[in-house]
């Protein structure tokens, strides 16, 4: 008996068995279809991907809005904690209280919409910006314990050392 194996480029195996005495031959083809996707499956998956692309983009934007709010909350909280004598105790406690409320809101609203996160960010920014601005102006009003602010000679904001970005720089 003679057995031959032929494997082609597509992974199809042809096995032929031939009995030498009688001349009888049998042939079998073994295809590697198991675990492979058919063209119909591939087309279906591509159409589903296109169908859900918009939903995926909305989800990405929602997560980005949440991350922006979290980043702002923790940045303001850290600035207030490290404000020292540049921020009054009442301002510090009100900022920390508002940040704590926002963190609790974030923990309880993990599935909030992008617009809800943006609204909370706007609300927190409106509350904290005047206090943070006042704190940073007090930092720049003179040489504090760390020396001139922003690395400028002569005291930063008060003496015109730093005026902030110009319109051309903010693009």
N, C-alpha and C. Protein backbone atom coordinates (compact mmCIF):
# COMPACT_ATOMS: atom_id res chain seq x y z
N UNK A 1 0.85 -1.16 0.00
CA UNK A 1 0.00 0.00 0.00
C UNK A 1 0.90 1.23 0.00
N UNK A 2 0.45 2.20 -0.77
CA UNK A 2 1.22 3.43 -0.89
C UNK A 2 0.29 4.58 -0.49
N UNK A 3 0.77 5.45 0.44
CA UNK A 3 -0.01 6.59 0.92
C UNK A 3 0.79 7.85 0.62
N UNK A 4 0.12 8.82 0.00
CA UNK A 4 0.78 10.11 -0.28
C UNK A 4 -0.01 11.24 0.36
N UNK A 5 0.73 12.24 0.80
CA UNK A 5 0.15 13.43 1.42
C UNK A 5 0.53 14.63 0.59
N UNK A 6 -0.46 15.48 0.31
CA UNK A 6 -0.20 16.69 -0.47
C UNK A 6 -0.86 17.86 0.25
N UNK A 7 -0.04 18.81 0.71
CA UNK A 7 -0.54 19.98 1.44
C UNK A 7 -0.37 21.20 0.54
N UNK A 8 -1.47 21.87 0.22
CA UNK A 8 -1.35 23.03 -0.67
C UNK A 8 -1.23 24.33 0.13
N UNK A 9 -1.11 25.45 -0.57
CA UNK A 9 -0.86 26.75 0.05
C UNK A 9 -2.03 27.22 0.93
N UNK A 10 -3.22 26.73 0.71
CA UNK A 10 -4.38 27.13 1.50
C UNK A 10 -4.58 26.26 2.73
N UNK A 11 -3.69 25.35 2.98
CA UNK A 11 -3.79 24.49 4.15
C UNK A 11 -4.71 23.30 3.94
N UNK A 12 -4.98 22.96 2.70
CA UNK A 12 -5.83 21.81 2.38
C UNK A 12 -4.93 20.60 2.18
N UNK A 13 -5.24 19.53 2.89
CA UNK A 13 -4.43 18.32 2.84
C UNK A 13 -5.17 17.26 2.01
N UNK A 14 -4.54 16.76 0.98
CA UNK A 14 -5.06 15.66 0.16
C UNK A 14 -4.29 14.40 0.50
N UNK A 15 -5.01 13.37 0.91
CA UNK A 15 -4.39 12.10 1.26
C UNK A 15 -4.89 11.06 0.24
N UNK A 16 -3.96 10.36 -0.35
CA UNK A 16 -4.30 9.32 -1.32
C UNK A 16 -3.69 8.01 -0.86
N UNK A 17 -4.51 6.97 -0.84
CA UNK A 17 -4.03 5.63 -0.49
C UNK A 17 -4.29 4.72 -1.69
N UNK A 18 -3.24 4.04 -2.14
CA UNK A 18 -3.37 3.17 -3.33
C UNK A 18 -2.80 1.80 -2.99
N UNK A 19 -3.64 0.80 -3.21
CA UNK A 19 -3.18 -0.57 -2.99
C UNK A 19 -2.47 -1.02 -4.27
N UNK A 20 -1.23 -1.39 -4.13
CA UNK A 20 -0.40 -1.68 -5.29
C UNK A 20 -0.84 -2.95 -6.03
N UNK A 21 -1.29 -3.95 -5.31
CA UNK A 21 -1.65 -5.22 -5.93
C UNK A 21 -2.91 -5.12 -6.77
N UNK A 22 -3.95 -4.52 -6.23
CA UNK A 22 -5.23 -4.47 -6.95
C UNK A 22 -5.40 -3.18 -7.74
N UNK A 23 -4.67 -2.16 -7.38
CA UNK A 23 -4.78 -0.89 -8.06
C UNK A 23 -5.92 -0.02 -7.54
N UNK A 24 -6.57 -0.49 -6.48
CA UNK A 24 -7.64 0.33 -5.87
C UNK A 24 -7.03 1.56 -5.20
N UNK A 25 -7.67 2.70 -5.39
CA UNK A 25 -7.18 3.95 -4.78
C UNK A 25 -8.34 4.68 -4.11
N UNK A 26 -8.05 5.23 -3.01
CA UNK A 26 -9.03 6.04 -2.28
C UNK A 26 -8.38 7.39 -2.00
N UNK A 27 -9.22 8.43 -2.04
CA UNK A 27 -8.72 9.79 -1.87
C UNK A 27 -9.59 10.49 -0.82
N UNK A 28 -8.96 11.31 0.04
CA UNK A 28 -9.69 12.10 1.03
C UNK A 28 -9.07 13.50 1.08
N UNK A 29 -9.91 14.50 1.21
CA UNK A 29 -9.45 15.89 1.32
C UNK A 29 -9.81 16.41 2.70
N UNK A 30 -8.82 16.95 3.37
CA UNK A 30 -9.03 17.50 4.72
C UNK A 30 -8.81 19.00 4.63
N UNK A 31 -9.87 19.73 4.91
CA UNK A 31 -9.80 21.19 4.86
C UNK A 31 -9.65 21.74 6.27
N UNK A 32 -8.99 22.86 6.37
CA UNK A 32 -8.79 23.52 7.66
C UNK A 32 -9.85 24.60 7.84
N UNK A 33 -11.11 24.23 7.85
CA UNK A 33 -12.19 25.20 8.00
C UNK A 33 -12.52 25.49 9.46
N UNK A 34 -12.16 24.60 10.33
CA UNK A 34 -12.53 24.75 11.73
C UNK A 34 -11.77 25.94 12.34
N UNK A 35 -12.50 26.83 12.96
CA UNK A 35 -11.89 27.99 13.62
C UNK A 35 -11.68 29.17 12.70
N UNK A 36 -11.97 29.03 11.43
CA UNK A 36 -11.82 30.14 10.49
C UNK A 36 -13.15 30.81 10.28
N UNK A 37 -13.09 32.09 9.97
CA UNK A 37 -14.31 32.84 9.68
C UNK A 37 -14.62 32.76 8.20
N UNK A 38 -15.89 32.60 7.92
CA UNK A 38 -16.31 32.63 6.52
C UNK A 38 -16.37 34.08 6.05
N UNK A 39 -16.45 34.28 4.76
CA UNK A 39 -16.55 35.63 4.23
C UNK A 39 -17.81 36.32 4.72
N UNK A 40 -18.89 35.56 4.87
CA UNK A 40 -20.14 36.13 5.40
C UNK A 40 -19.97 36.60 6.84
N UNK A 41 -19.23 35.82 7.64
CA UNK A 41 -18.96 36.24 9.02
C UNK A 41 -18.12 37.51 9.06
N UNK A 42 -17.13 37.59 8.20
CA UNK A 42 -16.26 38.77 8.14
C UNK A 42 -17.07 40.00 7.74
N UNK A 43 -17.92 39.86 6.73
CA UNK A 43 -18.75 40.97 6.27
C UNK A 43 -19.72 41.42 7.36
N UNK A 44 -20.31 40.46 8.07
CA UNK A 44 -21.23 40.79 9.17
C UNK A 44 -20.50 41.56 10.28
N UNK A 45 -19.30 41.12 10.62
CA UNK A 45 -18.54 41.79 11.67
C UNK A 45 -18.15 43.21 11.26
N UNK A 46 -17.79 43.41 10.01
CA UNK A 46 -17.45 44.75 9.53
C UNK A 46 -18.66 45.68 9.58
N UNK A 47 -19.82 45.18 9.21
CA UNK A 47 -21.02 46.03 9.24
C UNK A 47 -21.40 46.37 10.67
N UNK A 48 -21.22 45.41 11.59
CA UNK A 48 -21.49 45.70 13.00
C UNK A 48 -20.52 46.75 13.54
N UNK A 49 -19.26 46.67 13.14
CA UNK A 49 -18.27 47.65 13.59
C UNK A 49 -18.64 49.05 13.11
N UNK A 50 -19.09 49.15 11.87
CA UNK A 50 -19.51 50.45 11.34
C UNK A 50 -20.75 50.94 12.06
N UNK A 51 -21.65 50.02 12.36
CA UNK A 51 -22.90 50.37 13.03
C UNK A 51 -22.63 50.93 14.43
N UNK A 52 -21.67 50.36 15.14
CA UNK A 52 -21.40 50.78 16.52
C UNK A 52 -20.32 51.84 16.63
N UNK A 53 -19.76 52.30 15.53
CA UNK A 53 -18.69 53.31 15.56
C UNK A 53 -19.16 54.60 16.21
N UNK A 54 -20.36 55.04 15.88
CA UNK A 54 -20.89 56.28 16.46
C UNK A 54 -21.10 56.12 17.96
N UNK A 55 -21.63 54.99 18.37
CA UNK A 55 -21.84 54.72 19.79
C UNK A 55 -20.50 54.69 20.53
N UNK A 56 -19.50 54.09 19.93
CA UNK A 56 -18.17 54.05 20.53
C UNK A 56 -17.58 55.44 20.69
N UNK A 57 -17.78 56.30 19.71
CA UNK A 57 -17.27 57.68 19.78
C UNK A 57 -17.97 58.45 20.90
N UNK A 58 -19.27 58.26 21.05
CA UNK A 58 -20.00 58.93 22.15
C UNK A 58 -19.47 58.45 23.49
N UNK A 59 -19.21 57.17 23.59
CA UNK A 59 -18.67 56.62 24.84
C UNK A 59 -17.29 57.20 25.13
N UNK A 60 -16.45 57.31 24.09
CA UNK A 60 -15.11 57.89 24.27
C UNK A 60 -15.20 59.34 24.75
N UNK A 61 -16.13 60.11 24.18
CA UNK A 61 -16.30 61.51 24.58
C UNK A 61 -16.81 61.61 26.01
N UNK A 62 -17.68 60.69 26.40
CA UNK A 62 -18.22 60.69 27.77
C UNK A 62 -17.10 60.41 28.77
N UNK A 63 -16.25 59.44 28.45
CA UNK A 63 -15.12 59.12 29.33
C UNK A 63 -14.14 60.29 29.39
N UNK A 64 -13.90 60.95 28.27
CA UNK A 64 -12.99 62.10 28.25
C UNK A 64 -13.54 63.23 29.13
N UNK A 65 -14.85 63.46 29.08
CA UNK A 65 -15.47 64.51 29.91
C UNK A 65 -15.35 64.15 31.39
N UNK A 66 -15.55 62.89 31.71
CA UNK A 66 -15.42 62.45 33.11
C UNK A 66 -13.97 62.64 33.58
N UNK A 67 -13.02 62.23 32.74
CA UNK A 67 -11.61 62.37 33.11
C UNK A 67 -11.23 63.84 33.31
N UNK A 68 -11.77 64.71 32.47
CA UNK A 68 -11.48 66.14 32.59
C UNK A 68 -12.01 66.68 33.92
N UNK A 69 -13.22 66.27 34.29
CA UNK A 69 -13.79 66.71 35.57
C UNK A 69 -12.96 66.18 36.73
N UNK A 70 -12.62 64.90 36.70
CA UNK A 70 -11.81 64.32 37.78
C UNK A 70 -10.47 65.03 37.90
N UNK A 71 -9.83 65.28 36.79
CA UNK A 71 -8.54 65.95 36.79
C UNK A 71 -8.64 67.34 37.42
N UNK A 72 -9.68 68.07 37.02
CA UNK A 72 -9.87 69.42 37.57
C UNK A 72 -10.12 69.37 39.07
N UNK A 73 -10.99 68.45 39.50
CA UNK A 73 -11.32 68.35 40.93
C UNK A 73 -10.07 68.09 41.75
N UNK A 74 -9.29 67.09 41.34
CA UNK A 74 -8.12 66.74 42.12
C UNK A 74 -7.02 67.80 42.02
N UNK A 75 -6.93 68.50 40.91
CA UNK A 75 -5.97 69.60 40.79
C UNK A 75 -6.31 70.76 41.71
N UNK A 76 -7.59 71.13 41.74
CA UNK A 76 -8.03 72.22 42.62
C UNK A 76 -7.88 71.81 44.08
N UNK A 77 -8.24 70.59 44.38
CA UNK A 77 -8.13 70.09 45.76
C UNK A 77 -6.67 70.14 46.22
N UNK A 78 -5.77 69.70 45.37
CA UNK A 78 -4.35 69.72 45.73
C UNK A 78 -3.85 71.16 45.89
N UNK A 79 -4.27 72.05 45.00
CA UNK A 79 -3.85 73.45 45.09
C UNK A 79 -4.34 74.08 46.38
N UNK A 80 -5.58 73.77 46.76
CA UNK A 80 -6.13 74.32 48.01
C UNK A 80 -5.40 73.74 49.22
N UNK A 81 -5.12 72.44 49.18
CA UNK A 81 -4.40 71.80 50.29
C UNK A 81 -3.00 72.37 50.46
N UNK A 82 -2.36 72.70 49.34
CA UNK A 82 -0.98 73.20 49.39
C UNK A 82 -0.90 74.72 49.32
N UNK A 83 -2.03 75.39 49.48
CA UNK A 83 -2.08 76.84 49.36
C UNK A 83 -1.40 77.59 50.49
N UNK A 84 -1.27 76.94 51.62
CA UNK A 84 -0.63 77.59 52.76
C UNK A 84 -1.36 78.85 53.18
N UNK A 85 -0.59 79.94 53.39
CA UNK A 85 -1.19 81.19 53.84
C UNK A 85 -1.67 82.05 52.68
N UNK A 86 -1.58 81.55 51.47
CA UNK A 86 -2.06 82.30 50.30
C UNK A 86 -3.56 82.17 50.13
N UNK A 87 -4.18 81.26 50.88
CA UNK A 87 -5.63 81.05 50.80
C UNK A 87 -6.19 81.07 52.21
N UNK A 88 -7.28 81.81 52.39
CA UNK A 88 -7.88 81.89 53.72
C UNK A 88 -8.46 80.54 54.11
N UNK A 89 -8.59 80.33 55.39
CA UNK A 89 -9.12 79.05 55.87
C UNK A 89 -10.56 78.84 55.40
N UNK A 90 -11.35 79.92 55.36
CA UNK A 90 -12.74 79.77 54.91
C UNK A 90 -12.80 79.43 53.42
N UNK A 91 -11.94 80.07 52.61
CA UNK A 91 -11.90 79.73 51.19
C UNK A 91 -11.43 78.30 50.99
N UNK A 92 -10.41 77.92 51.73
CA UNK A 92 -9.88 76.56 51.61
C UNK A 92 -10.94 75.53 51.97
N UNK A 93 -11.66 75.75 53.08
CA UNK A 93 -12.66 74.77 53.48
C UNK A 93 -13.83 74.73 52.50
N UNK A 94 -14.22 75.88 51.93
CA UNK A 94 -15.32 75.86 50.97
C UNK A 94 -14.92 75.16 49.67
N UNK A 95 -13.67 75.37 49.21
CA UNK A 95 -13.19 74.69 48.01
C UNK A 95 -13.10 73.18 48.26
N UNK A 96 -12.55 72.80 49.40
CA UNK A 96 -12.42 71.38 49.70
C UNK A 96 -13.79 70.72 49.86
N UNK A 97 -14.74 71.44 50.44
CA UNK A 97 -16.10 70.91 50.58
C UNK A 97 -16.74 70.71 49.20
N UNK A 98 -16.61 71.70 48.33
CA UNK A 98 -17.18 71.60 46.98
C UNK A 98 -16.50 70.46 46.20
N UNK A 99 -15.20 70.32 46.35
CA UNK A 99 -14.49 69.22 45.68
C UNK A 99 -14.96 67.87 46.22
N UNK A 100 -15.15 67.79 47.53
CA UNK A 100 -15.65 66.55 48.14
C UNK A 100 -17.04 66.19 47.62
N UNK A 101 -17.90 67.20 47.48
CA UNK A 101 -19.24 66.96 46.93
C UNK A 101 -19.15 66.44 45.50
N UNK A 102 -18.27 67.04 44.73
CA UNK A 102 -18.12 66.63 43.33
C UNK A 102 -17.57 65.21 43.24
N UNK A 103 -16.62 64.87 44.09
CA UNK A 103 -16.06 63.51 44.08
C UNK A 103 -17.15 62.49 44.45
N UNK A 104 -17.97 62.83 45.45
CA UNK A 104 -19.09 61.94 45.81
C UNK A 104 -20.07 61.81 44.65
N UNK A 105 -20.33 62.91 43.97
CA UNK A 105 -21.23 62.88 42.82
C UNK A 105 -20.65 61.97 41.74
N UNK A 106 -19.34 62.09 41.48
CA UNK A 106 -18.68 61.24 40.49
C UNK A 106 -18.80 59.76 40.84
N UNK A 107 -18.60 59.44 42.11
CA UNK A 107 -18.68 58.04 42.53
C UNK A 107 -20.09 57.49 42.38
N UNK A 108 -21.12 58.34 42.58
CA UNK A 108 -22.49 57.89 42.48
C UNK A 108 -23.08 57.98 41.09
N UNK A 109 -22.37 58.58 40.15
CA UNK A 109 -22.89 58.78 38.80
C UNK A 109 -21.90 58.31 37.75
N UNK A 110 -21.53 57.04 37.83
CA UNK A 110 -20.53 56.51 36.91
C UNK A 110 -21.04 56.39 35.48
N UNK A 111 -22.37 56.43 35.30
CA UNK A 111 -22.93 56.30 33.96
C UNK A 111 -23.55 57.61 33.48
N UNK A 112 -23.11 58.72 34.03
CA UNK A 112 -23.66 60.02 33.62
C UNK A 112 -23.30 60.32 32.18
N UNK A 113 -24.08 61.19 31.56
CA UNK A 113 -23.83 61.60 30.18
C UNK A 113 -22.70 62.61 30.12
N UNK A 114 -22.15 62.78 28.93
CA UNK A 114 -21.09 63.76 28.68
C UNK A 114 -21.54 65.14 29.13
N UNK A 115 -22.77 65.49 28.81
CA UNK A 115 -23.30 66.82 29.14
C UNK A 115 -23.37 67.03 30.66
N UNK A 116 -23.70 65.97 31.40
CA UNK A 116 -23.76 66.08 32.86
C UNK A 116 -22.37 66.34 33.43
N UNK A 117 -21.36 65.64 32.92
CA UNK A 117 -19.98 65.87 33.38
C UNK A 117 -19.54 67.29 33.04
N UNK A 118 -19.87 67.73 31.84
CA UNK A 118 -19.49 69.09 31.42
C UNK A 118 -20.18 70.13 32.29
N UNK A 119 -21.45 69.91 32.64
CA UNK A 119 -22.18 70.84 33.50
C UNK A 119 -21.54 70.90 34.88
N UNK A 120 -21.18 69.73 35.43
CA UNK A 120 -20.53 69.70 36.75
C UNK A 120 -19.18 70.41 36.72
N UNK A 121 -18.44 70.25 35.62
CA UNK A 121 -17.15 70.92 35.48
C UNK A 121 -17.35 72.43 35.44
N UNK A 122 -18.33 72.88 34.67
CA UNK A 122 -18.62 74.31 34.57
C UNK A 122 -19.03 74.87 35.93
N UNK A 123 -19.87 74.14 36.62
CA UNK A 123 -20.34 74.55 37.95
C UNK A 123 -19.18 74.67 38.93
N UNK A 124 -18.31 73.67 38.94
CA UNK A 124 -17.16 73.68 39.85
C UNK A 124 -16.18 74.78 39.46
N UNK A 125 -15.96 74.97 38.18
CA UNK A 125 -15.04 76.01 37.71
C UNK A 125 -15.54 77.39 38.12
N UNK A 126 -16.83 77.64 37.96
CA UNK A 126 -17.39 78.93 38.35
C UNK A 126 -17.24 79.18 39.84
N UNK A 127 -17.34 78.12 40.62
CA UNK A 127 -17.22 78.26 42.06
C UNK A 127 -15.76 78.48 42.48
N UNK A 128 -14.85 77.68 41.90
CA UNK A 128 -13.46 77.67 42.37
C UNK A 128 -12.56 78.70 41.71
N UNK A 129 -12.86 79.11 40.50
CA UNK A 129 -11.96 80.02 39.77
C UNK A 129 -11.67 81.32 40.52
N UNK A 130 -12.67 82.01 41.06
CA UNK A 130 -12.34 83.25 41.78
C UNK A 130 -11.40 83.02 42.96
N UNK A 131 -11.60 81.93 43.68
CA UNK A 131 -10.77 81.63 44.84
C UNK A 131 -9.35 81.26 44.39
N UNK A 132 -9.25 80.45 43.35
CA UNK A 132 -7.93 80.05 42.85
C UNK A 132 -7.19 81.25 42.26
N UNK A 133 -7.90 82.13 41.58
CA UNK A 133 -7.29 83.33 41.01
C UNK A 133 -6.74 84.21 42.13
N UNK A 134 -7.55 84.39 43.16
CA UNK A 134 -7.12 85.21 44.31
C UNK A 134 -5.89 84.58 44.97
N UNK A 135 -5.89 83.27 45.10
CA UNK A 135 -4.75 82.59 45.72
C UNK A 135 -3.49 82.77 44.89
N UNK A 136 -3.60 82.63 43.56
CA UNK A 136 -2.43 82.79 42.71
C UNK A 136 -1.96 84.24 42.63
N UNK A 137 -2.88 85.19 42.73
CA UNK A 137 -2.48 86.59 42.75
C UNK A 137 -1.73 86.91 44.02
N UNK A 138 -2.15 86.32 45.14
CA UNK A 138 -1.43 86.54 46.39
C UNK A 138 -0.05 85.91 46.33
N UNK A 139 0.08 84.81 45.62
CA UNK A 139 1.38 84.18 45.44
C UNK A 139 2.30 85.10 44.64
N UNK A 140 1.77 85.75 43.62
CA UNK A 140 2.59 86.59 42.76
C UNK A 140 2.74 88.01 43.25
N UNK A 141 2.07 88.40 44.32
CA UNK A 141 2.08 89.79 44.77
C UNK A 141 3.42 90.18 45.38
N UNK A 142 4.27 89.27 45.65
CA UNK A 142 5.57 89.61 46.22
C UNK A 142 6.37 88.36 46.43
N UNK A 143 7.54 88.54 46.95
CA UNK A 143 8.37 87.38 47.20
C UNK A 143 7.84 86.67 48.42
N UNK A 144 7.33 85.50 48.22
CA UNK A 144 6.81 84.70 49.32
C UNK A 144 7.93 83.83 49.85
N UNK A 145 7.57 82.79 50.56
CA UNK A 145 8.59 81.91 51.13
C UNK A 145 9.41 81.21 50.06
N UNK A 146 8.90 81.12 48.84
CA UNK A 146 9.64 80.44 47.78
C UNK A 146 10.38 81.40 46.87
N UNK A 147 10.35 82.68 47.14
CA UNK A 147 11.02 83.64 46.27
C UNK A 147 10.04 84.19 45.26
N UNK A 148 10.52 84.90 44.25
CA UNK A 148 9.64 85.49 43.27
C UNK A 148 8.84 84.42 42.53
N UNK A 149 7.60 84.75 42.24
CA UNK A 149 6.76 83.77 41.56
C UNK A 149 7.15 83.64 40.10
N UNK A 150 6.87 82.47 39.55
CA UNK A 150 7.11 82.17 38.13
C UNK A 150 8.56 82.36 37.73
N UNK A 151 9.46 82.39 38.68
CA UNK A 151 10.87 82.52 38.35
C UNK A 151 11.24 83.91 37.88
N UNK A 152 10.38 84.89 38.07
CA UNK A 152 10.64 86.25 37.61
C UNK A 152 11.35 87.03 38.71
N UNK A 153 12.19 87.93 38.33
CA UNK A 153 12.81 88.84 39.29
C UNK A 153 11.83 89.96 39.59
N UNK A 154 11.71 90.35 40.80
CA UNK A 154 10.89 91.49 41.15
C UNK A 154 9.45 91.16 41.48
N UNK A 155 9.06 89.90 41.63
CA UNK A 155 7.78 89.61 42.24
C UNK A 155 6.65 89.24 41.31
N UNK A 156 6.85 88.89 40.10
CA UNK A 156 5.80 88.29 39.29
C UNK A 156 4.71 89.23 38.86
N UNK A 157 3.46 88.93 39.17
CA UNK A 157 2.29 89.65 38.68
C UNK A 157 2.30 91.14 39.05
N UNK A 158 2.62 91.44 40.30
CA UNK A 158 2.50 92.81 40.79
C UNK A 158 3.42 93.77 40.05
N UNK A 159 4.58 93.32 39.68
CA UNK A 159 5.54 94.19 39.02
C UNK A 159 5.62 93.96 37.52
N UNK A 160 4.64 93.28 36.98
CA UNK A 160 4.59 93.09 35.53
C UNK A 160 5.53 92.01 35.02
N UNK A 161 5.98 91.12 35.89
CA UNK A 161 6.90 90.07 35.47
C UNK A 161 6.25 89.02 34.59
N UNK A 162 4.98 88.73 34.80
CA UNK A 162 4.27 87.72 34.01
C UNK A 162 2.89 88.24 33.71
N UNK A 163 2.57 88.31 32.45
CA UNK A 163 1.28 88.86 32.06
C UNK A 163 0.35 87.79 31.51
N UNK A 164 0.81 86.53 31.39
CA UNK A 164 -0.03 85.45 30.88
C UNK A 164 0.09 85.32 29.39
N UNK A 165 -0.60 84.33 28.83
CA UNK A 165 -0.50 84.10 27.39
C UNK A 165 -1.23 85.17 26.59
N UNK A 166 -0.75 85.43 25.42
CA UNK A 166 -1.43 86.36 24.53
C UNK A 166 -2.38 85.57 23.65
N UNK A 167 -3.24 86.26 22.92
CA UNK A 167 -4.21 85.60 22.06
C UNK A 167 -3.52 84.75 21.02
N UNK A 168 -2.40 85.20 20.49
CA UNK A 168 -1.67 84.45 19.47
C UNK A 168 -1.16 83.13 20.00
N UNK A 169 -0.83 83.07 21.29
CA UNK A 169 -0.27 81.86 21.87
C UNK A 169 -1.33 80.81 22.16
N UNK A 170 -2.57 81.19 22.26
CA UNK A 170 -3.63 80.26 22.64
C UNK A 170 -4.38 79.81 21.40
N UNK A 171 -3.93 78.76 20.79
CA UNK A 171 -4.60 78.22 19.60
C UNK A 171 -5.04 76.84 19.80
